[in-house]
């Protein structure tokens, strides 16, 4: 089973204020299906955007062979840049 670390949309469509979960999920599953584990959250509607990722869980899944999508990789790099 190939695992991807990607974003899962949550929130209300009526007011178009979406938030996202960063999750580990099977590659074959749809975007809204059951995830394996929640790794963090991203809220782009806040100014500045709010980002929270559990680094230990992320490293755990990467060691197991999970691959990040380009968007998640970009967010992780932004988070690392802020901490340095």
C-alpha atoms as a PDB file:
ATOM      1  CA  UNK A   1       0.000   0.000   0.000  1.00  0.00           C
ATOM      2  CA  UNK A   2       1.493   3.308  -1.093  1.00  0.00           C
ATOM      3  CA  UNK A   3       0.875   6.095   1.424  1.00  0.00           C
ATOM      4  CA  UNK A   4       0.718   9.790   0.569  1.00  0.00           C
ATOM      5  CA  UNK A   5       0.858  12.749   2.895  1.00  0.00           C
ATOM      6  CA  UNK A   6      -1.632  15.221   1.514  1.00  0.00           C
ATOM      7  CA  UNK A   7      -4.259  17.807   2.374  1.00  0.00           C
ATOM      8  CA  UNK A   8      -7.871  16.944   3.177  1.00  0.00           C
ATOM      9  CA  UNK A   9     -10.441  19.728   2.839  1.00  0.00           C
ATOM     10  CA  UNK A  10     -12.684  20.409   5.832  1.00  0.00           C
ATOM     11  CA  UNK A  11     -15.030  23.277   6.573  1.00  0.00           C
ATOM     12  CA  UNK A  12     -18.204  24.749   5.165  1.00  0.00           C
ATOM     13  CA  UNK A  13     -18.812  25.200   1.465  1.00  0.00           C
ATOM     14  CA  UNK A  14     -21.527  27.798   2.083  1.00  0.00           C
ATOM     15  CA  UNK A  15     -19.159  30.517   3.236  1.00  0.00           C
ATOM     16  CA  UNK A  16     -16.143  29.174   1.261  1.00  0.00           C
ATOM     17  CA  UNK A  17     -13.920  29.232   4.331  1.00  0.00           C
ATOM     18  CA  UNK A  18     -12.105  25.983   3.962  1.00  0.00           C
ATOM     19  CA  UNK A  19      -9.540  24.604   6.353  1.00  0.00           C
ATOM     20  CA  UNK A  20      -7.334  21.654   5.638  1.00  0.00           C
ATOM     21  CA  UNK A  21      -6.023  18.674   7.539  1.00  0.00           C
ATOM     22  CA  UNK A  22      -2.647  17.285   6.635  1.00  0.00           C
ATOM     23  CA  UNK A  23      -3.134  13.522   6.657  1.00  0.00           C
ATOM     24  CA  UNK A  24      -1.452  10.237   5.846  1.00  0.00           C
ATOM     25  CA  UNK A  25      -3.754   8.364   3.484  1.00  0.00           C
ATOM     26  CA  UNK A  26      -3.591   5.466   1.032  1.00  0.00           C
ATOM     27  CA  UNK A  27      -2.834   6.694  -2.496  1.00  0.00           C
ATOM     28  CA  UNK A  28      -5.768   4.808  -3.998  1.00  0.00           C
ATOM     29  CA  UNK A  29      -8.353   6.330  -1.629  1.00  0.00           C
ATOM     30  CA  UNK A  30     -10.342   9.427  -2.521  1.00  0.00           C
ATOM     31  CA  UNK A  31      -9.532  12.781  -0.977  1.00  0.00           C
ATOM     32  CA  UNK A  32     -12.420  12.613   1.517  1.00  0.00           C
ATOM     33  CA  UNK A  33     -12.052   8.964   2.523  1.00  0.00           C
ATOM     34  CA  UNK A  34     -10.870   7.619   5.891  1.00  0.00           C
ATOM     35  CA  UNK A  35      -7.310   8.712   6.639  1.00  0.00           C
ATOM     36  CA  UNK A  36      -4.637   6.661   8.384  1.00  0.00           C
ATOM     37  CA  UNK A  37      -3.542   9.489  10.691  1.00  0.00           C
ATOM     38  CA  UNK A  38      -3.963  13.247  11.064  1.00  0.00           C
ATOM     39  CA  UNK A  39      -0.561  14.955  11.021  1.00  0.00           C
ATOM     40  CA  UNK A  40      -1.534  18.610  11.240  1.00  0.00           C
ATOM     41  CA  UNK A  41      -3.775  21.495  10.208  1.00  0.00           C
ATOM     42  CA  UNK A  42      -3.632  24.412   7.770  1.00  0.00           C
ATOM     43  CA  UNK A  43      -5.964  27.428   7.843  1.00  0.00           C
ATOM     44  CA  UNK A  44      -5.320  29.793   4.920  1.00  0.00           C
ATOM     45  CA  UNK A  45      -8.209  32.124   5.843  1.00  0.00           C
ATOM     46  CA  UNK A  46      -6.319  33.554   8.828  1.00  0.00           C
ATOM     47  CA  UNK A  47      -3.921  36.424   8.319  1.00  0.00           C
ATOM     48  CA  UNK A  48      -1.161  35.205   8.476  1.00  0.00           C
ATOM     49  CA  UNK A  49      -2.115  31.654   7.554  1.00  0.00           C
ATOM     50  CA  UNK A  50      -2.084  29.183  10.430  1.00  0.00           C
ATOM     51  CA  UNK A  51      -0.029  25.995  10.035  1.00  0.00           C
ATOM     52  CA  UNK A  52       0.527  23.232  12.580  1.00  0.00           C
ATOM     53  CA  UNK A  53       2.313  19.934  11.842  1.00  0.00           C
ATOM     54  CA  UNK A  54       3.367  17.212  14.277  1.00  0.00           C
ATOM     55  CA  UNK A  55       6.999  16.677  13.209  1.00  0.00           C
ATOM     56  CA  UNK A  56       7.340  13.328  15.007  1.00  0.00           C
ATOM     57  CA  UNK A  57       4.332  11.835  13.214  1.00  0.00           C
ATOM     58  CA  UNK A  58       5.524  13.267   9.900  1.00  0.00           C
ATOM     59  CA  UNK A  59       8.991  11.725  10.307  1.00  0.00           C
ATOM     60  CA  UNK A  60       7.396   8.404  11.319  1.00  0.00           C
ATOM     61  CA  UNK A  61       5.395   8.215   8.091  1.00  0.00           C
ATOM     62  CA  UNK A  62       8.308   9.378   5.941  1.00  0.00           C
ATOM     63  CA  UNK A  63      10.466   6.593   7.407  1.00  0.00           C
ATOM     64  CA  UNK A  64       7.721   4.111   6.465  1.00  0.00           C
ATOM     65  CA  UNK A  65       7.992   5.283   2.842  1.00  0.00           C
ATOM     66  CA  UNK A  66       5.148   7.783   2.608  1.00  0.00           C
ATOM     67  CA  UNK A  67       5.521  10.498  -0.009  1.00  0.00           C
ATOM     68  CA  UNK A  68       4.415  14.112   0.366  1.00  0.00           C
ATOM     69  CA  UNK A  69       2.457  15.936  -2.312  1.00  0.00           C
ATOM     70  CA  UNK A  70       4.058  19.082  -3.730  1.00  0.00           C
ATOM     71  CA  UNK A  71       1.723  21.363  -1.761  1.00  0.00           C
ATOM     72  CA  UNK A  72       2.432  19.671   1.561  1.00  0.00           C
ATOM     73  CA  UNK A  73       6.173  19.675   0.831  1.00  0.00           C
ATOM     74  CA  UNK A  74       5.966  23.426   0.213  1.00  0.00           C
ATOM     75  CA  UNK A  75       4.113  23.994   3.513  1.00  0.00           C
ATOM     76  CA  UNK A  76       6.625  21.876   5.450  1.00  0.00           C
ATOM     77  CA  UNK A  77       9.500  23.865   3.924  1.00  0.00           C
ATOM     78  CA  UNK A  78       7.773  27.130   4.917  1.00  0.00           C
ATOM     79  CA  UNK A  79       7.372  25.862   8.469  1.00  0.00           C
ATOM     80  CA  UNK A  80      11.061  24.858   8.638  1.00  0.00           C
ATOM     81  CA  UNK A  81      12.097  28.284   7.295  1.00  0.00           C
ATOM     82  CA  UNK A  82      10.059  30.055  10.004  1.00  0.00           C
ATOM     83  CA  UNK A  83      11.687  28.016  12.767  1.00  0.00           C
ATOM     84  CA  UNK A  84      15.225  28.858  11.566  1.00  0.00           C
END
